[in-house]
Amino acid sequence: MSNVFIALQKNEETRCIINAIVADNPDAIINEQPAMVKIDVPNRMVIRKSTVEEEMGRDFDLQELHVYLITLTGHIDETDDEFVLSWTH
């Protein structure tokens, strides 16, 4: 099993996104750097719009994620409600 990962800019908005990722992916491994946060998850990571909205206390369009995105690895499956990285099709 391989890890998928996402690296995001480190700021107040992404703090909520990171908290949401950890809530929905209990096996997440967080690596904080001075200007970014890298999150590794074995095999599959899901970022749910509803969880991010709960953390932020406002509406969130998953397309906003791309503003803070530095890099990622894995196959992307993106809908209006979920952004999924995985190694399966």
N, C-alpha and C. Protein backbone atom coordinates (compact mmCIF):
# COMPACT_ATOMS: atom_id res chain seq x y z
N MET A 1 0.84 -1.18 0.00
CA MET A 1 0.00 0.00 0.00
C MET A 1 0.89 1.25 0.00
N SER A 2 0.58 2.19 -0.86
CA SER A 2 1.34 3.44 -0.98
C SER A 2 0.53 4.60 -0.43
N ASN A 3 1.26 5.61 0.00
CA ASN A 3 0.60 6.81 0.48
C ASN A 3 0.23 7.73 -0.67
N VAL A 4 -0.89 8.41 -0.51
CA VAL A 4 -1.21 9.58 -1.34
C VAL A 4 -0.90 10.78 -0.45
N PHE A 5 -0.65 11.93 -1.06
CA PHE A 5 -0.43 13.11 -0.22
C PHE A 5 -0.90 14.36 -0.92
N ILE A 6 -1.10 15.37 -0.10
CA ILE A 6 -1.42 16.71 -0.58
C ILE A 6 -0.59 17.68 0.26
N ALA A 7 -0.07 18.70 -0.38
CA ALA A 7 0.67 19.76 0.31
C ALA A 7 -0.06 21.07 0.07
N LEU A 8 -0.34 21.77 1.15
CA LEU A 8 -1.09 23.02 1.09
C LEU A 8 -0.28 24.15 1.72
N GLN A 9 -0.51 25.37 1.25
CA GLN A 9 0.07 26.53 1.90
C GLN A 9 -0.37 26.52 3.37
N LYS A 10 0.46 27.06 4.22
CA LYS A 10 0.12 27.12 5.64
C LYS A 10 -0.44 28.51 5.96
N ASN A 11 -1.76 28.57 6.22
CA ASN A 11 -2.41 29.82 6.59
C ASN A 11 -3.71 29.51 7.34
N GLU A 12 -4.43 30.53 7.70
CA GLU A 12 -5.65 30.34 8.50
C GLU A 12 -6.71 29.53 7.76
N GLU A 13 -6.89 29.76 6.48
CA GLU A 13 -7.89 29.01 5.70
C GLU A 13 -7.53 27.53 5.64
N THR A 14 -6.27 27.24 5.38
CA THR A 14 -5.89 25.83 5.25
C THR A 14 -5.89 25.10 6.58
N ARG A 15 -5.77 25.83 7.68
CA ARG A 15 -5.87 25.18 9.00
C ARG A 15 -7.20 24.44 9.11
N CYS A 16 -8.27 25.06 8.65
CA CYS A 16 -9.59 24.43 8.68
C CYS A 16 -9.67 23.25 7.71
N ILE A 17 -9.06 23.39 6.54
CA ILE A 17 -9.06 22.29 5.58
C ILE A 17 -8.27 21.11 6.14
N ILE A 18 -7.14 21.38 6.75
CA ILE A 18 -6.32 20.32 7.35
C ILE A 18 -7.07 19.63 8.47
N ASN A 19 -7.73 20.38 9.32
CA ASN A 19 -8.54 19.78 10.40
C ASN A 19 -9.62 18.87 9.82
N ALA A 20 -10.23 19.29 8.72
CA ALA A 20 -11.27 18.48 8.07
C ALA A 20 -10.67 17.19 7.49
N ILE A 21 -9.49 17.31 6.87
CA ILE A 21 -8.83 16.11 6.33
C ILE A 21 -8.54 15.12 7.44
N VAL A 22 -8.01 15.60 8.54
CA VAL A 22 -7.70 14.71 9.68
C VAL A 22 -8.98 14.07 10.23
N ALA A 23 -10.05 14.84 10.30
CA ALA A 23 -11.32 14.29 10.80
C ALA A 23 -11.85 13.16 9.91
N ASP A 24 -11.70 13.31 8.61
CA ASP A 24 -12.22 12.31 7.67
C ASP A 24 -11.23 11.21 7.32
N ASN A 25 -9.97 11.37 7.71
CA ASN A 25 -8.92 10.39 7.41
C ASN A 25 -8.09 10.14 8.66
N PRO A 26 -8.56 9.25 9.54
CA PRO A 26 -7.90 9.05 10.83
C PRO A 26 -6.44 8.57 10.74
N ASP A 27 -6.04 8.01 9.60
CA ASP A 27 -4.66 7.55 9.44
C ASP A 27 -3.74 8.63 8.87
N ALA A 28 -4.23 9.85 8.76
CA ALA A 28 -3.44 10.94 8.18
C ALA A 28 -2.20 11.23 9.01
N ILE A 29 -1.11 11.49 8.31
CA ILE A 29 0.15 11.87 8.94
C ILE A 29 0.44 13.31 8.50
N ILE A 30 0.53 14.20 9.48
CA ILE A 30 0.72 15.63 9.21
C ILE A 30 2.20 15.98 9.36
N ASN A 31 2.73 16.68 8.38
CA ASN A 31 4.11 17.16 8.41
C ASN A 31 4.07 18.67 8.18
N GLU A 32 4.22 19.43 9.26
CA GLU A 32 4.16 20.89 9.17
C GLU A 32 5.54 21.47 8.90
N GLN A 33 5.61 22.33 7.92
CA GLN A 33 6.82 23.06 7.56
C GLN A 33 6.54 24.55 7.77
N PRO A 34 7.55 25.41 7.67
CA PRO A 34 7.29 26.84 7.90
C PRO A 34 6.23 27.45 6.98
N ALA A 35 6.16 27.05 5.71
CA ALA A 35 5.23 27.69 4.79
C ALA A 35 4.20 26.73 4.19
N MET A 36 4.27 25.44 4.58
CA MET A 36 3.33 24.48 4.02
C MET A 36 3.06 23.36 5.00
N VAL A 37 1.98 22.63 4.70
CA VAL A 37 1.65 21.43 5.47
C VAL A 37 1.45 20.31 4.47
N LYS A 38 2.16 19.20 4.67
CA LYS A 38 2.02 18.02 3.82
C LYS A 38 1.26 16.97 4.61
N ILE A 39 0.26 16.39 3.97
CA ILE A 39 -0.57 15.37 4.63
C ILE A 39 -0.48 14.09 3.82
N ASP A 40 0.01 13.03 4.44
CA ASP A 40 0.09 11.71 3.84
C ASP A 40 -1.02 10.83 4.41
N VAL A 41 -1.62 10.02 3.56
CA VAL A 41 -2.64 9.07 4.00
C VAL A 41 -2.40 7.76 3.22
N PRO A 42 -2.41 6.63 3.90
CA PRO A 42 -2.24 5.37 3.18
C PRO A 42 -3.37 5.13 2.18
N ASN A 43 -2.99 4.92 0.92
CA ASN A 43 -3.86 4.48 -0.17
C ASN A 43 -4.94 5.45 -0.65
N ARG A 44 -5.69 6.09 0.24
CA ARG A 44 -6.84 6.90 -0.18
C ARG A 44 -7.09 8.04 0.81
N MET A 45 -7.26 9.26 0.26
CA MET A 45 -7.60 10.43 1.07
C MET A 45 -8.88 11.05 0.51
N VAL A 46 -9.78 11.40 1.42
CA VAL A 46 -11.01 12.08 1.00
C VAL A 46 -11.09 13.43 1.71
N ILE A 47 -11.42 14.46 0.94
CA ILE A 47 -11.68 15.79 1.49
C ILE A 47 -13.14 16.08 1.19
N ARG A 48 -13.93 16.15 2.25
CA ARG A 48 -15.38 16.35 2.09
C ARG A 48 -15.76 17.81 2.28
N LYS A 49 -16.52 18.31 1.35
CA LYS A 49 -17.01 19.69 1.42
C LYS A 49 -17.72 19.94 2.74
N SER A 50 -18.57 19.03 3.16
CA SER A 50 -19.36 19.21 4.38
C SER A 50 -18.48 19.33 5.62
N THR A 51 -17.40 18.56 5.68
CA THR A 51 -16.51 18.62 6.84
C THR A 51 -15.72 19.93 6.84
N VAL A 52 -15.27 20.37 5.67
CA VAL A 52 -14.55 21.64 5.58
C VAL A 52 -15.49 22.78 5.99
N GLU A 53 -16.73 22.74 5.53
CA GLU A 53 -17.69 23.78 5.89
C GLU A 53 -17.93 23.82 7.40
N GLU A 54 -18.00 22.66 8.04
CA GLU A 54 -18.16 22.62 9.50
C GLU A 54 -16.97 23.29 10.19
N GLU A 55 -15.76 23.00 9.71
CA GLU A 55 -14.55 23.59 10.30
C GLU A 55 -14.46 25.10 10.07
N MET A 56 -14.86 25.54 8.86
CA MET A 56 -14.75 26.96 8.52
C MET A 56 -15.91 27.79 9.02
N GLY A 57 -17.06 27.15 9.21
CA GLY A 57 -18.25 27.90 9.62
C GLY A 57 -18.85 28.72 8.49
N ARG A 58 -18.59 28.30 7.25
CA ARG A 58 -19.13 29.00 6.09
C ARG A 58 -19.22 28.02 4.92
N ASP A 59 -19.88 28.45 3.86
CA ASP A 59 -19.93 27.65 2.64
C ASP A 59 -18.53 27.54 2.06
N PHE A 60 -18.25 26.41 1.43
CA PHE A 60 -16.94 26.17 0.85
C PHE A 60 -17.12 25.43 -0.47
N ASP A 61 -16.56 25.99 -1.52
CA ASP A 61 -16.56 25.35 -2.83
C ASP A 61 -15.23 24.60 -2.92
N LEU A 62 -15.26 23.30 -3.19
CA LEU A 62 -14.03 22.52 -3.24
C LEU A 62 -13.02 23.06 -4.25
N GLN A 63 -13.47 23.83 -5.22
CA GLN A 63 -12.55 24.46 -6.17
C GLN A 63 -11.60 25.44 -5.47
N GLU A 64 -12.02 25.97 -4.31
CA GLU A 64 -11.16 26.86 -3.53
C GLU A 64 -9.88 26.16 -3.09
N LEU A 65 -9.94 24.85 -2.96
CA LEU A 65 -8.78 24.06 -2.56
C LEU A 65 -7.58 24.33 -3.47
N HIS A 66 -7.85 24.53 -4.75
CA HIS A 66 -6.78 24.72 -5.73
C HIS A 66 -5.99 26.01 -5.48
N VAL A 67 -6.58 26.98 -4.83
CA VAL A 67 -5.89 28.23 -4.52
C VAL A 67 -4.74 27.98 -3.54
N TYR A 68 -4.92 27.03 -2.63
CA TYR A 68 -3.94 26.76 -1.57
C TYR A 68 -3.04 25.57 -1.88
N LEU A 69 -3.31 24.88 -2.97
CA LEU A 69 -2.61 23.65 -3.33
C LEU A 69 -1.20 23.93 -3.82
N ILE A 70 -0.23 23.19 -3.26
CA ILE A 70 1.15 23.27 -3.72
C ILE A 70 1.44 22.07 -4.64
N THR A 71 1.16 20.88 -4.15
CA THR A 71 1.35 19.67 -4.94
C THR A 71 0.54 18.54 -4.33
N LEU A 72 0.40 17.46 -5.10
CA LEU A 72 -0.31 16.28 -4.61
C LEU A 72 0.17 15.07 -5.38
N THR A 73 -0.16 13.89 -4.88
CA THR A 73 0.13 12.66 -5.59
C THR A 73 -1.03 11.70 -5.42
N GLY A 74 -1.33 10.99 -6.50
CA GLY A 74 -2.46 10.04 -6.51
C GLY A 74 -3.40 10.39 -7.64
N HIS A 75 -4.29 9.49 -7.93
CA HIS A 75 -5.33 9.73 -8.93
C HIS A 75 -6.40 10.61 -8.29
N ILE A 76 -6.90 11.58 -9.04
CA ILE A 76 -7.88 12.53 -8.53
C ILE A 76 -9.27 12.14 -9.01
N ASP A 77 -10.21 12.11 -8.08
CA ASP A 77 -11.63 11.95 -8.39
C ASP A 77 -12.34 13.08 -7.67
N GLU A 78 -12.83 14.04 -8.43
CA GLU A 78 -13.38 15.27 -7.85
C GLU A 78 -14.84 15.44 -8.24
N THR A 79 -15.68 15.65 -7.23
CA THR A 79 -17.08 15.99 -7.45
C THR A 79 -17.36 17.30 -6.72
N ASP A 80 -18.61 17.74 -6.74
CA ASP A 80 -18.96 18.95 -6.00
C ASP A 80 -18.87 18.74 -4.49
N ASP A 81 -18.94 17.48 -4.04
CA ASP A 81 -18.99 17.18 -2.61
C ASP A 81 -17.72 16.57 -2.04
N GLU A 82 -16.87 15.97 -2.89
CA GLU A 82 -15.67 15.31 -2.41
C GLU A 82 -14.50 15.48 -3.37
N PHE A 83 -13.32 15.56 -2.79
CA PHE A 83 -12.05 15.55 -3.53
C PHE A 83 -11.30 14.34 -3.02
N VAL A 84 -11.09 13.35 -3.88
CA VAL A 84 -10.49 12.09 -3.45
C VAL A 84 -9.18 11.86 -4.18
N LEU A 85 -8.14 11.49 -3.42
CA LEU A 85 -6.87 11.05 -3.97
C LEU A 85 -6.73 9.58 -3.64
N SER A 86 -6.36 8.77 -4.62
CA SER A 86 -6.19 7.33 -4.35
C SER A 86 -5.25 6.73 -5.38
N TRP A 87 -4.90 5.48 -5.15
CA TRP A 87 -4.11 4.71 -6.10
C TRP A 87 -4.96 3.67 -6.80
N THR A 88 -6.26 3.71 -6.56
CA THR A 88 -7.18 2.79 -7.24
C THR A 88 -8.03 3.57 -8.23
N HIS A 89 -8.54 2.90 -9.22
CA HIS A 89 -9.37 3.58 -10.23
C HIS A 89 -10.82 3.36 -9.92
